[in-house]
Amino acid sequence: MTAVDEYVEREAEIIRREPVCRDGDELADQWEKAKTGPNKLLFGARPEIIREISSRLKDGRWPDMEAARSADIYLEIFPRGMDKGRALEIICEKLGIAPGQTLAFGDQELDLPMIRAAGAGIAMGNAIDRLREEADYVTASNNEGGISQALRHFLPELKLPPA
């Protein structure tokens, strides 16, 4: 049975939704009967537990799903091939623009497919090392006006006010 703990409280604050705790087995039975299920699962725990769960989930035994960290204390599990990169492609298709004409900002493992799919993948200054290495550009952190700095770099014609 899941309970509200510091990780659930933090996520509830981020997404501005009240958590609803449910028994996992009962929920799985309900999904099985309805032939449905979640679009993603989010695990919250100490960083060492998240690393352990992540490594177990990536060992190839579950070929229909992927897992990526969205913070050192969060692990998101979602259907294989439906990540932020694919979401960017779908949005671009609906808007009639090429992914190569986009900028994507990220700081965590979950953002890697998105920065790869974008025309320019931008790592925030507080990004994990792997994302910084794969990004086309590294900007300042979230708290230091990094998005504004990157927009000035890539889109100087916007003539943004000084930071």
C-alpha atoms as a PDB file:
ATOM      1  CA  MET A   1       0.000   0.000   0.000  1.00  0.00           C
ATOM      2  CA  THR A   2       1.365   3.400  -0.954  1.00  0.00           C
ATOM      3  CA  ALA A   3       1.220   6.165   1.605  1.00  0.00           C
ATOM      4  CA  VAL A   4       1.826   9.882   1.482  1.00  0.00           C
ATOM      5  CA  ASP A   5       5.450  10.517   2.336  1.00  0.00           C
ATOM      6  CA  GLU A   6       7.952  13.305   1.626  1.00  0.00           C
ATOM      7  CA  TYR A   7       8.314  12.185  -2.022  1.00  0.00           C
ATOM      8  CA  VAL A   8       4.567  12.117  -2.646  1.00  0.00           C
ATOM      9  CA  GLU A   9       4.183  15.495  -0.929  1.00  0.00           C
ATOM     10  CA  ARG A  10       6.946  17.021  -3.086  1.00  0.00           C
ATOM     11  CA  GLU A  11       5.400  15.725  -6.318  1.00  0.00           C
ATOM     12  CA  ALA A  12       1.926  16.884  -5.230  1.00  0.00           C
ATOM     13  CA  GLU A  13       3.334  20.366  -4.694  1.00  0.00           C
ATOM     14  CA  ILE A  14       5.035  20.342  -8.122  1.00  0.00           C
ATOM     15  CA  ILE A  15       1.957  19.201 -10.041  1.00  0.00           C
ATOM     16  CA  ARG A  16      -0.525  20.972  -7.755  1.00  0.00           C
ATOM     17  CA  ARG A  17      -2.711  17.909  -7.276  1.00  0.00           C
ATOM     18  CA  GLU A  18      -3.760  16.090  -4.152  1.00  0.00           C
ATOM     19  CA  PRO A  19      -2.458  12.519  -4.073  1.00  0.00           C
ATOM     20  CA  VAL A  20      -4.805   9.564  -3.980  1.00  0.00           C
ATOM     21  CA  CYS A  21      -3.237   6.496  -2.416  1.00  0.00           C
ATOM     22  CA  ARG A  22      -4.362   3.132  -3.732  1.00  0.00           C
ATOM     23  CA  ASP A  23      -3.364  -0.456  -3.148  1.00  0.00           C
ATOM     24  CA  GLY A  24      -1.172  -1.473  -6.096  1.00  0.00           C
ATOM     25  CA  ASP A  25      -2.635  -4.963  -6.465  1.00  0.00           C
ATOM     26  CA  GLU A  26      -6.210  -3.667  -6.420  1.00  0.00           C
ATOM     27  CA  LEU A  27      -5.350  -1.002  -8.970  1.00  0.00           C
ATOM     28  CA  ALA A  28      -3.639  -3.542 -11.253  1.00  0.00           C
ATOM     29  CA  ASP A  29      -6.721  -5.792 -11.036  1.00  0.00           C
ATOM     30  CA  GLN A  30      -8.953  -2.845 -11.913  1.00  0.00           C
ATOM     31  CA  TRP A  31      -6.799  -1.990 -14.954  1.00  0.00           C
ATOM     32  CA  GLU A  32      -6.763  -5.616 -16.055  1.00  0.00           C
ATOM     33  CA  LYS A  33     -10.561  -5.837 -15.933  1.00  0.00           C
ATOM     34  CA  ALA A  34     -10.952  -2.539 -17.783  1.00  0.00           C
ATOM     35  CA  LYS A  35      -8.197  -3.431 -20.306  1.00  0.00           C
ATOM     36  CA  THR A  36      -6.503  -0.122 -19.551  1.00  0.00           C
ATOM     37  CA  GLY A  37      -3.688   1.197 -17.418  1.00  0.00           C
ATOM     38  CA  PRO A  38      -1.622   4.244 -16.588  1.00  0.00           C
ATOM     39  CA  ASN A  39       0.311   6.312 -19.121  1.00  0.00           C
ATOM     40  CA  LYS A  40       3.233   6.373 -16.698  1.00  0.00           C
ATOM     41  CA  LEU A  41       4.248   5.402 -13.203  1.00  0.00           C
ATOM     42  CA  LEU A  42       6.316   7.548 -10.885  1.00  0.00           C
ATOM     43  CA  PHE A  43       8.460   6.106  -8.122  1.00  0.00           C
ATOM     44  CA  GLY A  44       9.758   8.424  -5.417  1.00  0.00           C
ATOM     45  CA  ALA A  45      12.438   7.275  -2.995  1.00  0.00           C
ATOM     46  CA  ARG A  46      15.943   7.933  -1.737  1.00  0.00           C
ATOM     47  CA  PRO A  47      18.447   8.341  -4.616  1.00  0.00           C
ATOM     48  CA  GLU A  48      20.155   5.001  -3.954  1.00  0.00           C
ATOM     49  CA  ILE A  49      16.815   3.167  -4.134  1.00  0.00           C
ATOM     50  CA  ILE A  50      15.886   4.965  -7.367  1.00  0.00           C
ATOM     51  CA  ARG A  51      19.249   3.967  -8.887  1.00  0.00           C
ATOM     52  CA  GLU A  52      18.662   0.334  -7.900  1.00  0.00           C
ATOM     53  CA  ILE A  53      15.113   0.229  -9.292  1.00  0.00           C
ATOM     54  CA  SER A  54      16.300   1.939 -12.484  1.00  0.00           C
ATOM     55  CA  SER A  55      19.076  -0.560 -13.090  1.00  0.00           C
ATOM     56  CA  ARG A  56      16.699  -3.491 -12.513  1.00  0.00           C
ATOM     57  CA  LEU A  57      14.116  -2.066 -14.911  1.00  0.00           C
ATOM     58  CA  LYS A  58      16.702  -1.526 -17.640  1.00  0.00           C
ATOM     59  CA  ASP A  59      17.972  -5.119 -17.696  1.00  0.00           C
ATOM     60  CA  GLY A  60      15.829  -6.110 -20.699  1.00  0.00           C
ATOM     61  CA  ARG A  61      13.170  -8.168 -18.934  1.00  0.00           C
ATOM     62  CA  TRP A  62      10.468  -5.583 -19.681  1.00  0.00           C
ATOM     63  CA  PRO A  63      10.802  -4.817 -23.399  1.00  0.00           C
ATOM     64  CA  ASP A  64       7.567  -2.804 -23.610  1.00  0.00           C
ATOM     65  CA  MET A  65       8.584  -0.137 -21.126  1.00  0.00           C
ATOM     66  CA  GLU A  66      11.289   2.397 -20.461  1.00  0.00           C
ATOM     67  CA  ALA A  67      12.406   4.137 -17.292  1.00  0.00           C
ATOM     68  CA  ALA A  68      14.207   7.426 -16.773  1.00  0.00           C
ATOM     69  CA  ARG A  69      14.938   9.629 -13.800  1.00  0.00           C
ATOM     70  CA  SER A  70      13.235  13.017 -13.645  1.00  0.00           C
ATOM     71  CA  ALA A  71      15.202  13.880 -10.487  1.00  0.00           C
ATOM     72  CA  ASP A  72      17.584  11.963  -8.265  1.00  0.00           C
ATOM     73  CA  ILE A  73      14.596  10.940  -6.130  1.00  0.00           C
ATOM     74  CA  TYR A  74      12.100  10.217  -8.960  1.00  0.00           C
ATOM     75  CA  LEU A  75      11.957   7.442 -11.537  1.00  0.00           C
ATOM     76  CA  GLU A  76       9.312   7.551 -14.265  1.00  0.00           C
ATOM     77  CA  ILE A  77       8.214   4.410 -16.107  1.00  0.00           C
ATOM     78  CA  PHE A  78       6.388   4.730 -19.419  1.00  0.00           C
ATOM     79  CA  PRO A  79       5.637   2.781 -22.617  1.00  0.00           C
ATOM     80  CA  ARG A  80       8.691   2.146 -24.816  1.00  0.00           C
ATOM     81  CA  GLY A  81       8.952   4.754 -27.551  1.00  0.00           C
ATOM     82  CA  MET A  82       6.671   7.272 -25.855  1.00  0.00           C
ATOM     83  CA  ASP A  83       9.166   9.636 -24.323  1.00  0.00           C
ATOM     84  CA  LYS A  84       9.670  13.403 -24.423  1.00  0.00           C
ATOM     85  CA  GLY A  85      11.426  13.167 -27.790  1.00  0.00           C
ATOM     86  CA  ARG A  86       8.429  11.427 -29.338  1.00  0.00           C
ATOM     87  CA  ALA A  87       6.112  13.944 -27.655  1.00  0.00           C
ATOM     88  CA  LEU A  88       8.090  16.779 -29.279  1.00  0.00           C
ATOM     89  CA  GLU A  89       7.753  15.087 -32.671  1.00  0.00           C
ATOM     90  CA  ILE A  90       3.981  14.652 -32.230  1.00  0.00           C
ATOM     91  CA  ILE A  91       3.505  18.284 -31.195  1.00  0.00           C
ATOM     92  CA  CYS A  92       5.594  19.488 -34.143  1.00  0.00           C
ATOM     93  CA  GLU A  93       3.589  17.320 -36.528  1.00  0.00           C
ATOM     94  CA  LYS A  94       0.313  18.756 -35.219  1.00  0.00           C
ATOM     95  CA  LEU A  95       1.652  22.320 -35.525  1.00  0.00           C
ATOM     96  CA  GLY A  96       3.151  21.726 -38.959  1.00  0.00           C
ATOM     97  CA  ILE A  97       6.719  22.552 -37.993  1.00  0.00           C
ATOM     98  CA  ALA A  98       9.878  20.505 -38.276  1.00  0.00           C
ATOM     99  CA  PRO A  99      11.489  19.305 -35.038  1.00  0.00           C
ATOM    100  CA  GLY A 100      14.685  20.834 -36.397  1.00  0.00           C
ATOM    101  CA  GLN A 101      13.095  24.252 -35.933  1.00  0.00           C
ATOM    102  CA  THR A 102      12.665  23.786 -32.190  1.00  0.00           C
ATOM    103  CA  LEU A 103      14.617  24.433 -29.036  1.00  0.00           C
ATOM    104  CA  ALA A 104      14.305  22.049 -26.098  1.00  0.00           C
ATOM    105  CA  PHE A 105      15.494  22.692 -22.566  1.00  0.00           C
ATOM    106  CA  GLY A 106      16.299  19.977 -20.055  1.00  0.00           C
ATOM    107  CA  ASP A 107      18.160  19.057 -16.922  1.00  0.00           C
ATOM    108  CA  GLN A 108      17.440  15.383 -16.204  1.00  0.00           C
ATOM    109  CA  GLU A 109      17.736  11.934 -17.773  1.00  0.00           C
ATOM    110  CA  LEU A 110      14.053  12.054 -18.749  1.00  0.00           C
ATOM    111  CA  ASP A 111      14.848  15.049 -21.026  1.00  0.00           C
ATOM    112  CA  LEU A 112      17.548  13.307 -23.112  1.00  0.00           C
ATOM    113  CA  PRO A 113      15.256  12.096 -25.940  1.00  0.00           C
ATOM    114  CA  MET A 114      13.733  15.569 -26.200  1.00  0.00           C
ATOM    115  CA  ILE A 115      17.025  17.420 -26.545  1.00  0.00           C
ATOM    116  CA  ARG A 116      18.117  14.845 -29.137  1.00  0.00           C
ATOM    117  CA  ALA A 117      14.918  15.364 -31.171  1.00  0.00           C
ATOM    118  CA  ALA A 118      15.015  19.160 -31.099  1.00  0.00           C
ATOM    119  CA  GLY A 119      16.847  21.360 -33.547  1.00  0.00           C
ATOM    120  CA  ALA A 120      18.879  22.617 -30.610  1.00  0.00           C
ATOM    121  CA  GLY A 121      19.025  20.726 -27.346  1.00  0.00           C
ATOM    122  CA  ILE A 122      19.847  23.007 -24.456  1.00  0.00           C
ATOM    123  CA  ALA A 123      21.109  21.810 -21.084  1.00  0.00           C
ATOM    124  CA  MET A 124      20.367  23.933 -18.079  1.00  0.00           C
ATOM    125  CA  GLY A 125      23.391  24.790 -15.943  1.00  0.00           C
ATOM    126  CA  ASN A 126      22.059  22.501 -13.223  1.00  0.00           C
ATOM    127  CA  ALA A 127      21.654  19.565 -15.665  1.00  0.00           C
ATOM    128  CA  ILE A 128      23.074  16.118 -15.061  1.00  0.00           C
ATOM    129  CA  ASP A 129      26.451  15.521 -16.710  1.00  0.00           C
ATOM    130  CA  ARG A 130      25.143  13.168 -19.402  1.00  0.00           C
ATOM    131  CA  LEU A 131      22.597  15.713 -20.604  1.00  0.00           C
ATOM    132  CA  ARG A 132      25.210  18.497 -20.589  1.00  0.00           C
ATOM    133  CA  GLU A 133      27.482  16.284 -22.714  1.00  0.00           C
ATOM    134  CA  GLU A 134      24.774  15.549 -25.298  1.00  0.00           C
ATOM    135  CA  ALA A 135      23.323  19.050 -25.495  1.00  0.00           C
ATOM    136  CA  ASP A 136      24.106  21.460 -28.306  1.00  0.00           C
ATOM    137  CA  TYR A 137      24.380  24.310 -25.840  1.00  0.00           C
ATOM    138  CA  VAL A 138      24.694  24.686 -22.068  1.00  0.00           C
ATOM    139  CA  THR A 139      23.055  27.695 -20.475  1.00  0.00           C
ATOM    140  CA  ALA A 140      22.824  29.025 -16.942  1.00  0.00           C
ATOM    141  CA  SER A 141      20.792  27.202 -14.292  1.00  0.00           C
ATOM    142  CA  ASN A 142      17.049  27.387 -13.747  1.00  0.00           C
ATOM    143  CA  ASN A 143      17.588  29.963 -11.011  1.00  0.00           C
ATOM    144  CA  GLU A 144      20.006  32.102 -13.033  1.00  0.00           C
ATOM    145  CA  GLY A 145      17.856  32.987 -16.044  1.00  0.00           C
ATOM    146  CA  GLY A 146      19.160  30.125 -18.181  1.00  0.00           C
ATOM    147  CA  ILE A 147      16.198  29.992 -20.541  1.00  0.00           C
ATOM    148  CA  SER A 148      16.385  33.737 -21.162  1.00  0.00           C
ATOM    149  CA  GLN A 149      20.144  33.467 -21.806  1.00  0.00           C
ATOM    150  CA  ALA A 150      19.664  30.642 -24.321  1.00  0.00           C
ATOM    151  CA  LEU A 151      16.828  32.458 -26.102  1.00  0.00           C
ATOM    152  CA  ARG A 152      19.076  35.502 -26.477  1.00  0.00           C
ATOM    153  CA  HIS A 153      21.772  33.229 -27.921  1.00  0.00           C
ATOM    154  CA  PHE A 154      19.555  31.345 -30.398  1.00  0.00           C
ATOM    155  CA  LEU A 155      16.962  34.028 -31.172  1.00  0.00           C
ATOM    156  CA  PRO A 156      18.674  37.431 -30.943  1.00  0.00           C
ATOM    157  CA  GLU A 157      15.978  38.893 -33.190  1.00  0.00           C
ATOM    158  CA  LEU A 158      13.507  38.622 -30.289  1.00  0.00           C
ATOM    159  CA  LYS A 159      15.211  41.619 -28.672  1.00  0.00           C
ATOM    160  CA  LEU A 160      14.414  40.471 -25.155  1.00  0.00           C
ATOM    161  CA  PRO A 161      14.812  42.982 -22.327  1.00  0.00           C
ATOM    162  CA  PRO A 162      18.076  42.750 -20.384  1.00  0.00           C
ATOM    163  CA  ALA A 163      18.264  39.973 -17.822  1.00  0.00           C
END
